Amino acid sequence: MSDTNNNRPFNVYSVREYEIEGDKRSEWIRVGVAFPNRDGKGFNVQLTALPLDGKLVIREPKAGEE
C-alpha cells in the first residue's frame, strides 16, 4: 500500500463466477468500502450487503473512481 492511498477507501466486492455456453465469466458487485488503519496493519470494512458465498475482494479504486 503506497503512502498516497493511506486515507483513500478501497472498494469491497463480492465476485460471482458463472458460465454461459461454456464461456466462464464473473460478475463484480460492490458491497462496501475498506479503510486502512492508521498504523497500516489492517482495515476497517463497512459492508452494505453480504456475499452469498462468503468471499470478498478488496481493491484500490481506479483513477477517477470514488
Protein backbone atom coordinates (compact mmCIF):
# COMPACT_ATOMS: atom_id res chain seq x y z
CA MET A 1 0.00 0.00 0.00
CA SER A 2 1.51 3.33 -1.00
CA ASP A 3 1.55 6.45 1.20
CA THR A 4 -0.67 8.36 -1.23
CA ASN A 5 -3.54 5.91 -0.63
CA ASN A 6 -3.45 5.92 3.19
CA ASN A 7 -6.69 7.89 3.52
CA ARG A 8 -8.49 6.62 0.42
CA PRO A 9 -11.05 3.89 0.90
CA PHE A 10 -10.73 0.65 -1.04
CA ASN A 11 -13.72 -0.88 -2.81
CA VAL A 12 -15.07 -4.19 -1.48
CA TYR A 13 -16.65 -6.59 -4.00
CA SER A 14 -18.49 -9.87 -3.98
CA VAL A 15 -17.39 -11.74 -7.11
CA ARG A 16 -19.81 -14.30 -8.55
CA GLU A 17 -18.38 -16.67 -11.15
CA TYR A 18 -20.69 -18.30 -13.67
CA GLU A 19 -20.66 -19.93 -17.08
CA ILE A 20 -22.69 -19.16 -20.21
CA GLU A 21 -22.45 -21.60 -23.12
CA GLY A 22 -19.01 -22.79 -21.97
CA ASP A 23 -17.69 -19.24 -21.50
CA LYS A 24 -16.56 -18.56 -17.92
CA ARG A 25 -17.46 -15.09 -16.65
CA SER A 26 -17.55 -13.19 -13.39
CA GLU A 27 -19.83 -10.50 -12.02
CA TRP A 28 -18.28 -7.96 -9.61
CA ILE A 29 -20.81 -6.44 -7.23
CA ARG A 30 -19.64 -3.59 -4.98
CA VAL A 31 -20.80 -4.38 -1.45
CA GLY A 32 -18.87 -1.84 0.63
CA VAL A 33 -15.65 0.01 1.38
CA ALA A 34 -12.50 -0.69 3.39
CA PHE A 35 -10.42 1.98 5.13
CA PRO A 36 -6.77 1.33 6.00
CA ASN A 37 -5.97 1.58 9.71
CA ARG A 38 -3.69 4.43 10.72
CA ASP A 39 -0.88 2.03 11.62
CA GLY A 40 -1.08 0.42 8.16
CA LYS A 41 -1.55 -3.07 9.61
CA GLY A 42 -5.18 -3.71 8.79
CA PHE A 43 -8.51 -2.40 7.50
CA ASN A 44 -11.90 -1.34 8.80
CA VAL A 45 -14.56 -2.76 6.48
CA GLN A 46 -18.08 -1.33 6.11
CA LEU A 47 -20.48 -3.54 4.15
CA THR A 48 -23.82 -2.56 2.62
CA ALA A 49 -24.56 -6.16 1.56
CA LEU A 50 -23.26 -9.64 2.32
CA PRO A 51 -21.79 -12.05 -0.22
CA LEU A 52 -23.70 -15.28 -0.77
CA ASP A 53 -20.54 -17.40 -0.86
CA GLY A 54 -18.63 -15.58 1.91
CA LYS A 55 -15.86 -14.40 -0.43
CA LEU A 56 -14.87 -10.71 -0.56
CA VAL A 57 -12.33 -8.98 -2.82
CA ILE A 58 -10.79 -5.65 -1.72
CA ARG A 59 -9.31 -3.48 -4.48
CA GLU A 60 -7.83 0.00 -4.81
CA PRO A 61 -10.21 2.30 -6.69
CA LYS A 62 -9.35 3.02 -10.31
CA ALA A 63 -8.36 6.57 -11.27
CA GLY A 64 -11.41 8.84 -11.12
CA GLU A 65 -13.45 6.39 -9.01
CA GLU A 66 -14.66 7.33 -5.55
